Amino acid sequence: MANKDLLKGTSIYTISGILTKAGSILILPLLIRYLTPTEYGIIGALTPIVQIMSTILICGLNVAQMRNYNLNKRNETIGSYIFTLNTFIILLSIAVYFLLSNNIAKILWGYIFDLNEINFSYVKIYIVLGALDAILFMAISYFQMEKKYKRIGLGSILSFLVNFGLTFLLIINFNMGVKGRVLGILSGKMFLILVHYIKYISKIKPKFRLDFLKGSLAIGTPMILTGLLGTLINYSDRVILAKYISLEVVGHYSLAYTGGLILLVFIDSFINAWTPVFYDKIEKNKQDNSLTNTIEGFIAGLTVVALVGQLFSKEIIYFVFPENYYNTVDYLPYIISSSVLQGFVYYLSLFLFHFKDNKYTSVVSAVSALINIMVNIIFIPRFGVMVSVWSTILSFILSVTIYFVIIKIKYKFSFKYIKLIMIYLLSLNPIIIYLFESNISFINFMFKLLYFIISLVIIVNMIELKKIIKIIKR
């Protein structure tokens, strides 16, 4: 039954994710014809605000809600629990907004962004977007535990249509440029509030319980540092590039990250569906082999998707995107490889969350983020954009290595490390670097195709074709 729920959840998440994220990528060629690399760079530079704000404002309470879901359901206290957590998040969001949007705060924002190029009103809107994300995460995590996969999936698809529909209406018909894109994103979030949050809070019982808040903050607060540091690893390079290079380069770099969305779709869809199954399995039997073996198929699937993007993205970009975005291809294959490592991090983090050792994720993230930021600040001005690409990859490798060591020594779980390393290295090695940096030609295309086929054969043999066929049949 658990495997059936996992398969069902992953399938629905993946279908909705592919429709929205792949749809975003398919729409990109049209979108960037109306936005210059500098305008696209403004959106890319502002994106970290949403991630940082949502991480701070949610205080890890979505994780606490998932952990305490079954207990509160049994005790029939879920209504007051939801009310308590959400009241805290909303009050905190209001306070933080006023703190970060006044004239004094504007001066401080000026040290991060060039407010002559990035309108301060956009910064305010992105703070609001972060608050909306925080309360949406609470609703979505609740529906995940209730296995309401269709609600989450359909909501994502409809939000996508609202988001880009209004974006193109404002950009094409009203020539709003960046402002049109920002308002489009905001409209998509507001739609999800109507779809998810109203239904979610209909379950509340207006009784504030301080003991619920204290207990949940004890579980969730360590997640703030972990989430912030993860965001810094993923997004600080854009801010640093905007500061030391140019917004145009940030536009190319951000577009490359957008191209990696398909990989993140698979990661998010699997992890979202795997999380409740993982908790069920590990509570019933800590010797269950699927707790460690499942990662092999997960990483193998990520690598196959990654190889498609890495090997053939240059042809797609050159034939589909405007010429002023061609430089995107310089970063995309490396960013895709870093996304595979991110999949490792997400999967392994579940072990630490289960054993309430969030402090380890905080420390690991702090070390990785510090190294990443310091390398970027020191070397980007001297050596350019590729420093940020390699610093991200190395930061994730460090995090994954430390997680493996902790899980092995402290919890006695072992993985097939050599197999996992070999699978990952198919996406990052001298041969594939040569292939995705080679010029576009029929011969090079055939070499890429050959590499992909050989890699696919290796992966299939590593994770056993019979198991894959059984999963497909089921």
Protein backbone atom coordinates (compact mmCIF):
# COMPACT_ATOMS: atom_id res chain seq x y z
CA MET A 1 0.00 0.00 0.00
CA ALA A 2 2.84 2.36 0.88
CA ASN A 3 4.53 1.70 -2.47
CA LYS A 4 1.23 2.27 -4.24
CA ASP A 5 0.84 5.64 -2.50
CA LEU A 6 4.43 6.53 -3.41
CA LEU A 7 3.91 5.63 -7.05
CA LYS A 8 0.58 7.44 -7.23
CA GLY A 9 1.93 10.52 -5.49
CA THR A 10 5.09 10.71 -7.56
CA SER A 11 3.12 10.22 -10.79
CA ILE A 12 0.63 13.00 -10.11
CA TYR A 13 3.28 15.38 -8.79
CA THR A 14 5.46 14.63 -11.79
CA ILE A 15 2.68 15.09 -14.36
CA SER A 16 1.60 18.43 -12.88
CA GLY A 17 5.21 19.45 -12.36
CA ILE A 18 6.17 18.62 -15.93
CA LEU A 19 3.14 20.49 -17.28
CA THR A 20 4.02 23.60 -15.27
CA LYS A 21 7.82 23.57 -15.24
CA ALA A 22 8.20 22.20 -18.76
CA GLY A 23 5.51 24.64 -19.78
CA SER A 24 7.59 27.42 -18.25
CA ILE A 25 10.57 26.31 -20.31
CA LEU A 26 8.54 26.01 -23.51
CA ILE A 27 7.19 29.51 -22.95
CA LEU A 28 10.68 30.91 -22.29
CA PRO A 29 11.52 31.54 -25.97
CA LEU A 30 8.43 33.73 -26.23
CA LEU A 31 9.00 35.43 -22.88
CA ILE A 32 12.60 36.37 -23.54
CA ARG A 33 11.67 37.92 -26.88
CA TYR A 34 9.90 40.59 -24.85
CA LEU A 35 12.45 40.81 -22.01
CA THR A 36 16.10 41.75 -22.53
CA PRO A 37 18.82 39.81 -20.65
CA THR A 38 19.06 42.78 -18.26
CA GLU A 39 15.31 42.69 -17.54
CA TYR A 40 15.45 38.93 -17.08
CA GLY A 41 18.42 39.51 -14.80
CA ILE A 42 16.32 41.78 -12.59
CA ILE A 43 13.84 38.95 -12.07
CA GLY A 44 16.72 36.55 -11.37
CA ALA A 45 18.33 38.91 -8.86
CA LEU A 46 15.04 39.39 -6.98
CA THR A 47 14.17 35.67 -6.79
CA PRO A 48 16.32 34.98 -3.68
CA ILE A 49 14.11 37.40 -1.71
CA VAL A 50 11.14 35.04 -2.05
CA GLN A 51 13.18 32.04 -0.93
CA ILE A 52 14.75 33.85 2.02
CA MET A 53 11.49 35.44 3.21
CA SER A 54 9.48 32.23 2.99
CA THR A 55 12.19 30.31 4.86
CA ILE A 56 12.30 32.89 7.68
CA LEU A 57 8.55 33.38 7.96
CA ILE A 58 7.55 29.71 7.95
CA CYS A 59 10.11 28.93 10.69
CA GLY A 60 10.18 25.27 9.65
CA LEU A 61 6.60 24.90 10.93
CA ASN A 62 5.59 23.00 7.79
CA VAL A 63 8.06 20.26 8.81
CA ALA A 64 6.65 20.25 12.36
CA GLN A 65 3.12 20.06 10.97
CA MET A 66 4.01 16.99 8.90
CA ARG A 67 5.72 15.31 11.85
CA ASN A 68 2.80 15.99 14.22
CA TYR A 69 0.02 15.37 11.71
CA ASN A 70 -0.86 11.83 12.82
CA LEU A 71 -0.68 12.70 16.52
CA ASN A 72 -3.00 15.69 16.18
CA LYS A 73 -5.38 13.72 13.98
CA ARG A 74 -5.68 11.00 16.61
CA ASN A 75 -6.18 13.52 19.43
CA GLU A 76 -8.61 15.64 17.36
CA THR A 77 -6.51 18.74 18.01
CA ILE A 78 -5.59 19.41 14.38
CA GLY A 79 -7.95 22.42 14.15
CA SER A 80 -6.37 24.36 17.02
CA TYR A 81 -2.91 23.24 15.90
CA ILE A 82 -3.43 24.73 12.41
CA PHE A 83 -4.86 27.92 13.93
CA THR A 84 -1.90 28.35 16.29
CA LEU A 85 0.82 27.88 13.67
CA ASN A 86 -0.83 30.01 11.01
CA THR A 87 -1.67 32.86 13.37
CA PHE A 88 2.01 33.04 14.30
CA ILE A 89 3.16 33.00 10.65
CA ILE A 90 0.70 35.72 9.57
CA LEU A 91 1.57 38.06 12.46
CA LEU A 92 5.28 37.51 11.85
CA SER A 93 4.83 38.21 8.12
CA ILE A 94 3.11 41.53 8.79
CA ALA A 95 5.83 42.63 11.22
CA VAL A 96 8.66 41.63 8.86
CA TYR A 97 7.05 43.40 5.89
CA PHE A 98 6.87 46.73 7.71
CA LEU A 99 10.41 46.25 8.99
CA LEU A 100 11.85 45.66 5.50
CA SER A 101 9.79 48.09 3.41
CA ASN A 102 10.31 51.43 5.15
CA ASN A 103 12.68 54.23 4.09
CA ILE A 104 15.45 53.11 6.45
CA ALA A 105 15.27 49.60 5.05
CA LYS A 106 15.44 51.07 1.54
CA ILE A 107 18.89 52.47 2.33
CA LEU A 108 20.06 49.03 3.45
CA TRP A 109 18.59 47.34 0.36
CA GLY A 110 20.68 49.79 -1.65
CA TYR A 111 23.83 48.04 -0.46
CA ILE A 112 22.57 44.77 -1.97
CA PHE A 113 20.92 45.98 -5.19
CA ASP A 114 21.41 48.96 -7.45
CA LEU A 115 18.00 50.57 -6.82
CA ASN A 116 18.52 52.80 -9.86
CA GLU A 117 18.15 49.64 -11.97
CA ILE A 118 15.88 47.59 -9.70
CA ASN A 119 12.77 49.50 -8.58
CA PHE A 120 12.24 49.32 -4.81
CA SER A 121 8.54 48.58 -5.35
CA TYR A 122 9.61 45.25 -6.90
CA VAL A 123 11.55 44.44 -3.73
CA LYS A 124 8.39 45.07 -1.67
CA ILE A 125 6.32 42.80 -3.93
CA TYR A 126 8.88 40.01 -3.62
CA ILE A 127 8.74 40.30 0.19
CA VAL A 128 4.97 39.79 -0.10
CA LEU A 129 5.56 36.82 -2.41
CA GLY A 130 7.76 35.28 0.28
CA ALA A 131 4.96 35.67 2.85
CA LEU A 132 2.44 34.09 0.47
CA ASP A 133 4.82 31.18 -0.13
CA ALA A 134 5.13 30.62 3.63
CA ILE A 135 1.40 30.17 4.21
CA LEU A 136 1.05 28.18 0.98
CA PHE A 137 3.74 25.74 2.13
CA MET A 138 1.70 25.14 5.28
CA ALA A 139 -1.42 24.31 3.26
CA ILE A 140 0.40 22.16 0.71
CA SER A 141 2.34 20.18 3.34
CA TYR A 142 -0.98 19.45 5.07
CA PHE A 143 -2.56 18.20 1.84
CA GLN A 144 0.55 16.09 1.21
CA MET A 145 0.01 14.28 4.49
CA GLU A 146 -3.63 13.78 3.58
CA LYS A 147 -2.42 12.44 0.20
CA LYS A 148 -4.56 15.00 -1.67
CA TYR A 149 -2.30 14.69 -4.70
CA LYS A 150 -4.88 15.74 -7.29
CA ARG A 151 -5.67 18.98 -5.44
CA ILE A 152 -1.99 19.94 -5.31
CA GLY A 153 -1.32 18.94 -8.92
CA LEU A 154 -4.34 20.68 -10.46
CA GLY A 155 -3.70 23.78 -8.35
CA SER A 156 -0.17 24.00 -9.74
CA ILE A 157 -1.38 23.72 -13.33
CA LEU A 158 -4.11 26.36 -12.96
CA SER A 159 -1.74 28.70 -11.10
CA PHE A 160 0.73 28.35 -13.97
CA LEU A 161 -1.95 29.35 -16.49
CA VAL A 162 -2.94 32.40 -14.45
CA ASN A 163 0.70 33.39 -13.90
CA PHE A 164 1.82 33.33 -17.52
CA GLY A 165 -1.53 34.36 -18.94
CA LEU A 166 -1.45 37.66 -17.07
CA THR A 167 2.28 38.03 -17.69
CA PHE A 168 1.89 37.97 -21.45
CA LEU A 169 -1.23 40.12 -21.35
CA LEU A 170 0.62 42.85 -19.45
CA ILE A 171 3.91 42.55 -21.35
CA ILE A 172 2.54 42.27 -24.90
CA ASN A 173 -0.61 44.38 -24.73
CA PHE A 174 0.47 46.98 -22.17
CA ASN A 175 4.26 46.94 -22.71
CA MET A 176 4.93 46.60 -18.96
CA GLY A 177 8.18 44.61 -19.22
CA VAL A 178 9.54 43.57 -15.81
CA LYS A 179 6.50 44.99 -14.02
CA GLY A 180 4.22 42.76 -16.07
CA ARG A 181 6.26 39.67 -15.16
CA VAL A 182 6.26 40.57 -11.46
CA LEU A 183 2.48 41.10 -11.42
CA GLY A 184 2.01 37.82 -13.30
CA ILE A 185 3.95 35.92 -10.63
CA LEU A 186 1.94 37.64 -7.91
CA SER A 187 -1.36 36.70 -9.58
CA GLY A 188 -0.33 33.03 -9.70
CA LYS A 189 0.42 33.01 -5.96
CA MET A 190 -2.89 34.73 -5.14
CA PHE A 191 -4.74 32.12 -7.18
CA LEU A 192 -3.12 29.33 -5.13
CA ILE A 193 -4.20 31.11 -1.95
CA LEU A 194 -7.79 30.84 -3.18
CA VAL A 195 -7.38 27.19 -4.23
CA HIS A 196 -5.43 25.81 -1.26
CA TYR A 197 -5.26 28.11 1.72
CA ILE A 198 -8.95 28.86 2.09
CA LYS A 199 -9.74 25.13 2.10
CA TYR A 200 -6.88 24.51 4.53
CA ILE A 201 -7.91 27.10 7.12
CA SER A 202 -11.54 25.95 6.96
CA LYS A 203 -10.33 23.16 9.25
CA ILE A 204 -9.23 25.52 12.02
CA LYS A 205 -10.64 25.81 15.50
CA PRO A 206 -9.86 29.34 16.77
CA LYS A 207 -8.00 28.32 19.90
CA PHE A 208 -4.39 29.48 20.29
CA ARG A 209 -2.23 27.03 22.22
CA LEU A 210 1.21 28.19 23.25
CA ASP A 211 2.37 24.63 23.92
CA PHE A 212 1.69 23.73 20.28
CA LEU A 213 3.71 26.72 19.09
CA LYS A 214 6.66 26.06 21.41
CA GLY A 215 6.86 22.39 20.49
CA SER A 216 6.60 23.08 16.77
CA LEU A 217 9.18 25.87 16.86
CA ALA A 218 11.57 23.52 18.66
CA ILE A 219 11.28 21.15 15.69
CA GLY A 220 11.13 23.76 12.95
CA THR A 221 13.42 26.61 14.03
CA PRO A 222 16.66 24.77 13.17
CA MET A 223 15.25 24.53 9.64
CA ILE A 224 15.48 28.32 9.27
CA LEU A 225 19.25 28.33 9.23
CA THR A 226 19.35 25.23 7.02
CA GLY A 227 16.87 26.72 4.55
CA LEU A 228 18.59 30.11 4.48
CA LEU A 229 21.98 28.57 3.92
CA GLY A 230 20.60 26.34 1.17
CA THR A 231 19.14 29.43 -0.48
CA LEU A 232 22.46 31.20 -0.22
CA ILE A 233 24.18 28.28 -1.94
CA ASN A 234 21.59 28.31 -4.73
CA TYR A 235 21.03 32.03 -5.21
CA SER A 236 23.78 34.14 -3.64
CA ASP A 237 25.80 33.82 -6.82
CA ARG A 238 23.15 35.82 -8.71
CA VAL A 239 23.36 38.71 -6.25
CA ILE A 240 27.15 38.64 -6.35
CA LEU A 241 27.15 38.51 -10.16
CA ALA A 242 24.77 41.47 -10.26
CA LYS A 243 27.07 43.35 -7.89
CA TYR A 244 30.40 42.62 -9.58
CA ILE A 245 29.57 41.72 -13.20
CA SER A 246 26.23 42.89 -14.66
CA LEU A 247 22.49 42.26 -14.67
CA GLU A 248 22.83 41.03 -18.25
CA VAL A 249 25.05 38.17 -17.07
CA VAL A 250 22.57 37.47 -14.27
CA GLY A 251 19.93 37.19 -17.00
CA HIS A 252 21.94 34.50 -18.82
CA TYR A 253 22.74 32.72 -15.57
CA SER A 254 19.12 32.84 -14.34
CA LEU A 255 17.89 31.48 -17.65
CA ALA A 256 20.31 28.57 -17.26
CA TYR A 257 18.84 27.84 -13.83
CA THR A 258 15.35 27.99 -15.33
CA GLY A 259 16.47 25.41 -17.85
CA GLY A 260 17.29 23.10 -14.98
CA LEU A 261 13.71 23.22 -13.71
CA ILE A 262 12.80 19.90 -15.30
CA LEU A 263 15.31 18.16 -13.05
CA LEU A 264 13.94 19.95 -9.99
CA VAL A 265 10.45 18.81 -11.00
CA PHE A 266 11.54 15.19 -10.63
CA ILE A 267 13.32 15.91 -7.35
CA ASP A 268 10.42 17.77 -5.77
CA SER A 269 7.76 15.36 -7.01
CA PHE A 270 9.62 12.31 -5.74
CA ILE A 271 10.67 13.80 -2.39
CA ASN A 272 7.18 15.18 -1.70
CA ALA A 273 5.62 11.76 -2.29
CA TRP A 274 8.47 9.78 -0.68
CA THR A 275 8.50 11.80 2.58
CA PRO A 276 5.33 10.37 4.20
CA VAL A 277 6.21 6.88 2.93
CA PHE A 278 9.74 7.23 4.32
CA TYR A 279 8.42 8.22 7.76
CA ASP A 280 6.00 5.27 7.78
CA LYS A 281 8.71 2.79 6.78
CA ILE A 282 11.41 3.97 9.17
CA GLU A 283 9.02 4.02 12.14
CA LYS A 284 7.87 0.46 11.43
CA ASN A 285 11.20 -1.10 10.50
CA LYS A 286 14.56 0.65 10.52
CA GLN A 287 16.06 -2.36 8.73
CA ASP A 288 13.83 -1.89 5.66
CA ASN A 289 16.22 -2.03 2.68
CA SER A 290 14.07 0.33 0.63
CA LEU A 291 15.10 3.18 2.95
CA THR A 292 18.56 3.13 1.38
CA ASN A 293 18.03 1.30 -1.91
CA THR A 294 15.38 3.70 -3.22
CA ILE A 295 18.01 6.41 -3.66
CA GLU A 296 19.65 4.41 -6.48
CA GLY A 297 16.62 4.55 -8.75
CA PHE A 298 16.03 8.16 -7.76
CA ILE A 299 19.55 9.30 -8.69
CA ALA A 300 19.54 7.13 -11.81
CA GLY A 301 16.35 8.82 -12.99
CA LEU A 302 17.81 12.25 -12.25
CA THR A 303 20.97 11.42 -14.18
CA VAL A 304 19.07 10.27 -17.27
CA VAL A 305 17.04 13.50 -17.32
CA ALA A 306 20.23 15.48 -16.65
CA LEU A 307 22.06 13.90 -19.59
CA VAL A 308 19.33 14.90 -22.01
CA GLY A 309 19.65 18.53 -20.93
CA GLN A 310 23.43 18.53 -20.78
CA LEU A 311 24.06 16.88 -24.14
CA PHE A 312 21.43 18.56 -26.26
CA SER A 313 20.76 21.94 -24.61
CA LYS A 314 23.18 23.79 -26.91
CA GLU A 315 21.25 22.75 -30.02
CA ILE A 316 17.96 23.74 -28.37
CA ILE A 317 19.23 27.13 -27.21
CA TYR A 318 20.85 28.02 -30.54
CA PHE A 319 17.80 27.10 -32.59
CA VAL A 320 15.09 28.42 -30.26
CA PHE A 321 16.40 31.37 -28.22
CA PRO A 322 17.31 34.87 -29.45
CA GLU A 323 21.00 35.44 -30.12
CA ASN A 324 21.43 37.73 -27.09
CA TYR A 325 20.74 34.69 -24.85
CA TYR A 326 23.25 32.28 -26.44
CA ASN A 327 25.69 32.65 -23.51
CA THR A 328 23.21 30.72 -21.38
CA VAL A 329 24.61 27.49 -22.80
CA ASP A 330 27.95 28.12 -21.08
CA TYR A 331 26.40 27.52 -17.64
CA LEU A 332 23.43 25.21 -18.15
CA PRO A 333 25.18 21.77 -18.23
CA TYR A 334 27.05 22.49 -14.99
CA ILE A 335 23.94 23.81 -13.26
CA ILE A 336 22.08 20.65 -14.27
CA SER A 337 24.86 18.54 -12.73
CA SER A 338 24.60 20.50 -9.48
CA SER A 339 20.85 19.76 -9.45
CA VAL A 340 21.61 16.03 -9.37
CA LEU A 341 23.68 16.65 -6.24
CA GLN A 342 20.80 18.61 -4.81
CA GLY A 343 18.69 15.48 -5.19
CA PHE A 344 21.19 13.64 -2.96
CA VAL A 345 20.91 16.37 -0.32
CA TYR A 346 17.11 16.30 -0.26
CA TYR A 347 16.97 12.52 0.05
CA LEU A 348 19.62 12.21 2.76
CA SER A 349 18.17 15.07 4.80
CA LEU A 350 15.11 12.96 5.56
CA PHE A 351 17.20 10.70 7.81
CA LEU A 352 18.36 13.66 9.88
CA PHE A 353 14.84 15.07 10.11
CA HIS A 354 13.47 11.75 11.34
CA PHE A 355 16.04 11.48 14.12
CA LYS A 356 15.50 15.17 15.04
CA ASP A 357 19.13 15.97 14.29
CA ASN A 358 18.36 19.18 12.40
CA LYS A 359 21.44 20.73 13.99
CA TYR A 360 23.59 18.67 11.64
CA THR A 361 21.82 20.01 8.56
CA SER A 362 22.35 23.54 9.88
CA VAL A 363 26.06 23.01 10.46
CA VAL A 364 26.61 21.31 7.11
CA SER A 365 24.66 23.99 5.28
CA ALA A 366 26.55 26.73 7.14
CA VAL A 367 29.94 25.33 6.16
CA SER A 368 28.90 24.78 2.53
CA ALA A 369 27.28 28.21 2.21
CA LEU A 370 30.26 29.96 3.79
CA ILE A 371 32.69 28.28 1.41
CA ASN A 372 30.42 28.99 -1.56
CA ILE A 373 29.97 32.68 -0.76
CA MET A 374 33.61 33.30 0.10
CA VAL A 375 34.82 31.62 -3.09
CA ASN A 376 32.34 33.66 -5.14
CA ILE A 377 33.20 37.00 -3.53
CA ILE A 378 36.96 36.43 -3.82
CA PHE A 379 37.20 34.85 -7.27
CA ILE A 380 34.21 36.02 -9.35
CA PRO A 381 35.65 39.55 -9.81
CA ARG A 382 38.94 37.97 -10.98
CA PHE A 383 37.85 34.94 -13.00
CA GLY A 384 34.23 35.55 -13.96
CA VAL A 385 30.97 33.62 -13.98
CA MET A 386 32.28 30.04 -14.11
CA VAL A 387 33.55 30.42 -10.54
CA SER A 388 29.95 30.51 -9.31
CA VAL A 389 29.11 27.33 -11.24
CA TRP A 390 31.97 25.28 -9.83
CA SER A 391 31.62 26.67 -6.29
CA THR A 392 27.99 25.48 -6.25
CA ILE A 393 28.95 21.98 -7.42
CA LEU A 394 31.75 21.70 -4.85
CA SER A 395 29.47 22.96 -2.06
CA PHE A 396 26.91 20.26 -2.80
CA ILE A 397 29.61 17.56 -3.02
CA LEU A 398 30.84 18.60 0.43
CA SER A 399 27.30 18.49 1.87
CA VAL A 400 26.52 15.08 0.37
CA THR A 401 29.79 13.60 1.67
CA ILE A 402 29.21 14.84 5.21
CA TYR A 403 25.60 13.56 5.19
CA PHE A 404 26.74 10.11 4.13
CA VAL A 405 29.29 10.03 6.95
CA ILE A 406 26.77 11.16 9.59
CA ILE A 407 24.10 8.67 8.47
CA LYS A 408 26.65 5.83 8.41
CA ILE A 409 28.28 6.53 11.79
CA LYS A 410 25.33 7.80 13.81
CA TYR A 411 22.34 5.88 12.39
CA LYS A 412 24.13 2.80 10.96
CA PHE A 413 22.56 3.09 7.50
CA SER A 414 24.81 2.12 4.60
CA PHE A 415 24.43 2.91 0.91
CA LYS A 416 26.05 1.49 -2.20
CA TYR A 417 28.43 4.45 -2.43
CA ILE A 418 30.51 3.31 -5.41
CA LYS A 419 27.41 2.67 -7.49
CA LEU A 420 25.96 6.10 -6.63
CA ILE A 421 29.25 7.86 -7.42
CA MET A 422 29.52 6.08 -10.77
CA ILE A 423 25.96 7.04 -11.70
CA TYR A 424 26.56 10.69 -10.80
CA LEU A 425 29.88 10.86 -12.65
CA LEU A 426 28.04 10.06 -15.87
CA SER A 427 26.74 13.64 -15.66
CA LEU A 428 30.09 15.26 -14.89
CA ASN A 429 33.36 13.98 -16.31
CA PRO A 430 35.95 15.15 -18.88
CA ILE A 431 34.22 13.34 -21.76
CA ILE A 432 30.81 14.88 -21.22
CA ILE A 433 32.34 18.31 -20.57
CA TYR A 434 34.09 18.05 -23.93
CA LEU A 435 30.84 16.98 -25.60
CA PHE A 436 28.64 19.75 -24.28
CA GLU A 437 31.30 22.38 -24.98
CA SER A 438 31.86 21.13 -28.56
CA ASN A 439 30.52 23.01 -31.58
CA ILE A 440 27.19 22.14 -33.13
CA SER A 441 27.64 19.64 -35.96
CA PHE A 442 26.14 16.36 -37.13
CA ILE A 443 29.23 14.37 -36.05
CA ASN A 444 29.25 15.92 -32.58
CA PHE A 445 25.53 15.29 -32.27
CA MET A 446 26.07 11.61 -33.06
CA PHE A 447 28.87 11.41 -30.47
CA LYS A 448 26.50 12.91 -27.91
CA LEU A 449 23.80 10.44 -28.83
CA LEU A 450 26.28 7.57 -28.51
CA TYR A 451 27.38 8.79 -25.07
CA PHE A 452 23.75 9.00 -23.96
CA ILE A 453 22.99 5.46 -25.15
CA ILE A 454 26.09 4.04 -23.46
CA SER A 455 25.21 5.87 -20.23
CA LEU A 456 21.66 4.59 -20.38
CA VAL A 457 22.91 1.00 -20.78
CA ILE A 458 25.25 1.43 -17.80
CA ILE A 459 22.49 2.86 -15.61
CA VAL A 460 19.97 0.17 -16.55
CA ASN A 461 22.49 -2.55 -15.70
CA MET A 462 23.32 -0.91 -12.40
CA ILE A 463 19.76 -0.64 -11.09
CA GLU A 464 18.40 -3.87 -12.67
CA LEU A 465 16.10 -3.62 -15.67
CA LYS A 466 13.62 -6.14 -14.22
CA LYS A 467 12.82 -3.85 -11.31
CA ILE A 468 12.20 -0.94 -13.69
CA ILE A 469 9.82 -3.04 -15.81
CA LYS A 470 7.92 -4.14 -12.68
CA ILE A 471 7.50 -0.53 -11.57
CA ILE A 472 6.25 0.49 -15.04
CA LYS A 473 3.76 -2.41 -15.11
CA ARG A 474 2.41 -1.55 -11.68
